[in-house]
Amino acid sequence: MAADVQESEYFIREIEKNDGSVLKVKQCYLGDVGCVVWDAAIVLAKYLETKQFCNPASGLNRFCGRTVVELGAGTGAVGLMAATLGANVTVTDLQDLQTLLRANIQENQTLIRQGSITAKVLKWGDDVSDFLPPPHYILMADCIYYEQSVVPLVNSLKNLAGPDTCIICCYEQRTEGVNPKVEKQFFELLQQNFTWEEIPLESHDPEFSSADIHILHIQQKV
């Protein structure tokens, strides 16, 4: 994606929140896969609003006041949702996506009342010291797709996560091309240091769910 994108090159994807407000996420006609809002990102964003994240004592979402790092943020839709729920979020992606991320942060700033959100460059596998101490949550949507990125992605998870970090991974299972091989490699590497549970479909948002889109909670092995 070019460093400077004209308004005419954007188109908007709206994501309605449970409180009736609307996230307006700019996508770009020009650019790589990170320039559009994929279905898995919407499924994950809406999952963050489900009742299992509601704190019964305060009525607040459990993300309120928590630190969050989103990997492969793309348009930033998932991180933006977390920020509107009160989390302090860092959305990360390659340098080419920073213009789009900053545009979407600015577009939705008025919806972020208790949390915060900033965009930073992070290439998977690179040094993560700027993102430590370990966040409470790591979010990732549709990050399992390039064969050459699997090892760097898992290394980033190992270096970012602490024993109390919950990694929430949402991905669309694809059966064509190299996708099955890439998924297999990812989970083989992941199991060396992490355990996970798949969230049943009935616990996803009832309107934003699909049998081929999976949500996992991943944690370090103890």
Protein backbone atom coordinates (compact mmCIF):
# COMPACT_ATOMS: atom_id res chain seq x y z
CA MET A 1 0.00 0.00 0.00
CA ALA A 2 1.29 3.44 -0.85
CA ALA A 3 2.45 5.70 1.97
CA ASP A 4 -0.17 8.31 1.07
CA VAL A 5 -3.64 7.06 0.24
CA GLN A 6 -6.32 9.35 -1.15
CA GLU A 7 -9.84 9.28 0.31
CA SER A 8 -11.18 8.12 -3.05
CA GLU A 9 -9.14 4.93 -2.66
CA TYR A 10 -10.91 3.95 0.57
CA PHE A 11 -14.19 2.15 1.08
CA ILE A 12 -15.88 1.64 4.44
CA ARG A 13 -16.85 -1.56 6.25
CA GLU A 14 -19.24 -0.85 9.13
CA ILE A 15 -19.31 -3.09 12.20
CA GLU A 16 -22.23 -2.43 14.52
CA LYS A 17 -21.45 -2.86 18.19
CA ASN A 18 -23.89 -4.23 20.77
CA ASP A 19 -24.43 -0.74 22.19
CA GLY A 20 -25.64 0.53 18.81
CA SER A 21 -22.51 2.50 17.93
CA VAL A 22 -20.74 1.67 14.68
CA LEU A 23 -17.09 1.07 13.93
CA LYS A 24 -16.27 2.50 10.52
CA VAL A 25 -13.28 0.63 9.17
CA LYS A 26 -11.60 1.99 6.09
CA GLN A 27 -10.38 -0.54 3.55
CA CYS A 28 -8.22 0.19 0.55
CA TYR A 29 -8.77 -0.73 -3.07
CA LEU A 30 -5.02 -0.86 -3.55
CA GLY A 31 -2.74 -3.11 -1.55
CA ASP A 32 -2.14 -6.57 -0.15
CA VAL A 33 -4.39 -8.82 1.94
CA GLY A 34 -3.97 -6.55 4.98
CA CYS A 35 -5.96 -3.76 3.34
CA VAL A 36 -9.40 -5.38 3.71
CA VAL A 37 -11.52 -6.60 6.62
CA TRP A 38 -11.66 -10.38 6.42
CA ASP A 39 -14.55 -12.42 7.79
CA ALA A 40 -12.42 -13.87 10.58
CA ALA A 41 -11.65 -10.36 11.82
CA ILE A 42 -15.35 -9.56 12.08
CA VAL A 43 -16.09 -12.85 13.82
CA LEU A 44 -13.31 -12.19 16.35
CA ALA A 45 -14.29 -8.55 16.88
CA LYS A 46 -17.88 -9.51 17.65
CA TYR A 47 -16.74 -12.42 19.84
CA LEU A 48 -15.06 -9.89 22.14
CA GLU A 49 -18.52 -8.48 22.88
CA THR A 50 -20.10 -11.81 23.86
CA LYS A 51 -21.43 -12.36 27.37
CA GLN A 52 -18.51 -14.52 28.48
CA PHE A 53 -16.36 -11.38 28.52
CA CYS A 54 -18.81 -9.47 30.71
CA ASN A 55 -17.64 -9.01 34.31
CA PRO A 56 -20.75 -9.68 36.42
CA ALA A 57 -19.41 -7.66 39.36
CA SER A 58 -18.88 -4.43 37.44
CA GLY A 59 -20.92 -4.96 34.29
CA LEU A 60 -17.83 -3.97 32.30
CA ASN A 61 -16.22 -6.00 29.56
CA ARG A 62 -13.23 -7.99 30.83
CA PHE A 63 -11.02 -6.16 28.35
CA CYS A 64 -11.52 -2.90 30.26
CA GLY A 65 -8.15 -1.76 31.61
CA ARG A 66 -6.28 -4.70 30.09
CA THR A 67 -3.28 -4.49 27.77
CA VAL A 68 -3.71 -5.95 24.30
CA VAL A 69 -1.39 -6.51 21.34
CA GLU A 70 -2.93 -7.37 17.99
CA LEU A 71 -0.67 -9.18 15.53
CA GLY A 72 -1.16 -8.78 11.79
CA ALA A 73 -3.77 -6.13 12.48
CA GLY A 74 -4.32 -5.08 8.86
CA THR A 75 -7.13 -2.55 9.04
CA GLY A 76 -7.16 -2.71 12.85
CA ALA A 77 -10.80 -3.80 13.15
CA VAL A 78 -10.21 -6.26 15.99
CA GLY A 79 -7.94 -3.97 17.97
CA LEU A 80 -10.37 -1.10 17.53
CA MET A 81 -13.16 -3.21 18.98
CA ALA A 82 -11.00 -4.09 21.99
CA ALA A 83 -10.15 -0.41 22.52
CA THR A 84 -13.83 0.59 22.48
CA LEU A 85 -14.33 -2.03 25.21
CA GLY A 86 -11.80 -0.25 27.41
CA ALA A 87 -8.55 -2.06 26.57
CA ASN A 88 -5.21 -0.35 26.05
CA VAL A 89 -4.32 -1.69 22.62
CA THR A 90 -1.29 -1.74 20.37
CA VAL A 91 -2.16 -2.77 16.82
CA THR A 92 0.83 -4.04 14.88
CA ASP A 93 1.63 -4.78 11.27
CA LEU A 94 4.22 -4.03 8.61
CA GLN A 95 5.27 -0.49 7.71
CA ASP A 96 3.08 -0.52 4.57
CA LEU A 97 -0.07 -0.87 6.69
CA GLN A 98 0.63 1.95 9.13
CA THR A 99 -1.12 4.64 7.09
CA LEU A 100 -4.33 2.61 6.99
CA LEU A 101 -4.11 1.71 10.68
CA ARG A 102 -3.64 5.34 11.70
CA ALA A 103 -6.53 6.41 9.45
CA ASN A 104 -8.85 3.91 11.13
CA ILE A 105 -7.74 4.92 14.61
CA GLN A 106 -8.54 8.53 13.77
CA GLU A 107 -11.87 7.57 12.18
CA ASN A 108 -13.07 5.79 15.33
CA GLN A 109 -11.42 7.85 18.06
CA THR A 110 -14.70 9.18 19.44
CA LEU A 111 -15.83 5.62 20.27
CA ILE A 112 -12.78 5.02 22.48
CA ARG A 113 -13.76 6.48 25.85
CA GLN A 114 -11.95 4.37 28.45
CA GLY A 115 -9.27 2.53 26.49
CA SER A 116 -6.56 3.62 24.10
CA ILE A 117 -5.05 2.47 20.82
CA THR A 118 -1.76 3.06 19.06
CA ALA A 119 -0.23 1.58 15.90
CA LYS A 120 3.33 0.26 15.73
CA VAL A 121 5.43 -1.58 13.20
CA LEU A 122 6.16 -5.21 13.99
CA LYS A 123 7.50 -7.79 11.59
CA TRP A 124 6.94 -11.29 12.95
CA GLY A 125 10.14 -12.77 14.31
CA ASP A 126 11.74 -9.39 15.02
CA ASP A 127 12.59 -8.01 18.46
CA VAL A 128 9.50 -7.47 20.65
CA SER A 129 11.08 -5.68 23.61
CA ASP A 130 9.06 -2.53 22.83
CA PHE A 131 5.87 -4.51 23.48
CA LEU A 132 6.85 -5.94 26.87
CA PRO A 133 5.95 -6.67 29.65
CA PRO A 134 3.69 -9.40 28.28
CA PRO A 135 0.18 -8.14 27.50
CA HIS A 136 -2.92 -9.59 29.07
CA TYR A 137 -4.21 -10.53 25.61
CA ILE A 138 -2.75 -11.15 22.18
CA LEU A 139 -5.30 -11.05 19.36
CA MET A 140 -4.80 -12.44 15.87
CA ALA A 141 -7.30 -12.89 13.04
CA ASP A 142 -6.53 -14.76 9.81
CA CYS A 143 -2.77 -14.74 10.35
CA ILE A 144 -2.20 -18.36 9.28
CA TYR A 145 -1.83 -18.16 5.53
CA TYR A 146 1.78 -17.72 4.30
CA GLU A 147 4.09 -20.72 4.58
CA GLN A 148 7.16 -18.53 5.07
CA SER A 149 5.53 -16.62 7.93
CA VAL A 150 4.58 -19.57 10.16
CA VAL A 151 7.90 -19.88 12.02
CA PRO A 152 8.26 -16.08 12.60
CA LEU A 153 4.65 -15.88 13.79
CA VAL A 154 5.06 -18.65 16.35
CA ASN A 155 8.36 -17.12 17.49
CA SER A 156 6.61 -13.80 18.03
CA LEU A 157 3.96 -15.52 20.14
CA LYS A 158 6.66 -17.22 22.23
CA ASN A 159 8.50 -13.95 22.78
CA LEU A 160 5.44 -11.82 23.47
CA ALA A 161 3.31 -14.07 25.66
CA GLY A 162 3.75 -14.51 29.37
CA PRO A 163 2.31 -17.26 31.58
CA ASP A 164 -0.86 -15.23 32.15
CA THR A 165 -1.32 -14.04 28.56
CA CYS A 166 -4.41 -15.26 26.74
CA ILE A 167 -3.87 -15.51 22.99
CA ILE A 168 -7.15 -15.39 21.07
CA CYS A 169 -6.69 -16.68 17.54
CA CYS A 170 -9.42 -16.65 14.92
CA TYR A 171 -8.87 -18.18 11.51
CA GLU A 172 -10.85 -19.35 8.53
CA GLN A 173 -10.12 -22.97 7.67
CA ARG A 174 -9.33 -23.21 3.97
CA THR A 175 -8.97 -26.46 2.06
CA GLU A 176 -7.36 -25.32 -1.18
CA GLY A 177 -3.75 -24.85 -2.23
CA VAL A 178 -1.10 -24.72 0.50
CA ASN A 179 -3.54 -23.72 3.25
CA PRO A 180 -3.91 -27.18 4.87
CA LYS A 181 -0.12 -27.57 4.93
CA VAL A 182 0.35 -24.13 6.48
CA GLU A 183 -2.25 -24.80 9.19
CA LYS A 184 -0.67 -28.18 9.99
CA GLN A 185 2.77 -26.62 10.31
CA PHE A 186 1.44 -23.83 12.53
CA PHE A 187 -0.19 -26.19 15.01
CA GLU A 188 2.79 -28.56 15.05
CA LEU A 189 5.05 -25.67 16.02
CA LEU A 190 2.52 -24.18 18.42
CA GLN A 191 2.13 -27.37 20.46
CA GLN A 192 5.81 -27.30 21.43
CA ASN A 193 5.19 -24.37 23.80
CA PHE A 194 1.45 -23.81 24.00
CA THR A 195 -1.85 -25.50 24.74
CA TRP A 196 -5.19 -24.40 23.36
CA GLU A 197 -8.92 -24.94 23.45
CA GLU A 198 -11.36 -24.32 20.64
CA ILE A 199 -14.33 -22.17 21.53
CA PRO A 200 -17.56 -23.91 20.50
CA LEU A 201 -19.60 -22.26 17.78
CA GLU A 202 -22.51 -21.60 20.14
CA SER A 203 -20.22 -19.30 22.16
CA HIS A 204 -19.47 -17.11 19.13
CA ASP A 205 -21.66 -14.14 18.34
CA PRO A 206 -24.89 -15.72 17.04
CA GLU A 207 -25.07 -13.45 13.99
CA PHE A 208 -21.36 -13.40 13.17
CA SER A 209 -20.21 -16.99 13.11
CA SER A 210 -19.47 -19.71 10.59
CA ALA A 211 -18.61 -23.39 10.83
CA ASP A 212 -15.36 -22.85 8.94
CA ILE A 213 -14.16 -19.96 11.13
CA HIS A 214 -12.51 -21.14 14.34
CA ILE A 215 -11.67 -19.31 17.56
CA LEU A 216 -8.98 -20.65 19.84
CA HIS A 217 -7.80 -19.61 23.31
CA ILE A 218 -4.06 -20.32 23.49
CA GLN A 219 -1.78 -20.22 26.54
CA GLN A 220 1.79 -21.09 27.39
CA LYS A 221 2.42 -24.56 28.71
CA VAL A 222 3.11 -24.65 32.43
